[in-house]
Amino acid sequence: MKHFSLSSGMTTMRGIFYPKGHMVMMFPTEKDALLAAKLLREDGVSEDDLSLASPEEFEHQIEGLCLANHDLLLPSVGTESDTAIHFRDLAHAGHYALIVHASAKLTSDHVVELLKDTHCSYGQRYRFLVIEDLVC
């Protein structure tokens, strides 16, 4: 499993955190995040498709991407800024981030079912123009 590193393509045109093609899940402890990663690996998710970020790392990397260009009078059709702020706030409170590159065959329902007994505190799947809640 890799350490999370923000890459190009993980932001909107306005510069807001939006890692399209990924699931981002938050866990209250590193142990909880590592258990979720283990369950995903055992289910066939590649080690290369999993990234972990400590609370400090995650908060630092997305901090400037929560309200990027927020003062501009540009319309926004979504809640990507609010979602990024929620992730930042959880990281600030000490939650670990598990980021999964989500292929089309890895459905949200399957991941939720697979991780139902973990302590996932919040999760989102980022699709093209849609942020899908993962009810952890």
Foldseek 3Di string as FASTA:
>chain_A
DAADDDDPPQADPLQAGFNAQKKKWKAQDPVLLVVLVVLVVVVPADPVQKHKYWLVRLLVRRVCRLCRVVVDPDDDPDCRSVVSVVSNVSSVVTIMMMMGRHDPVRDLVNSLVSSVPGRTPWMWHGHVVDIHTRPD
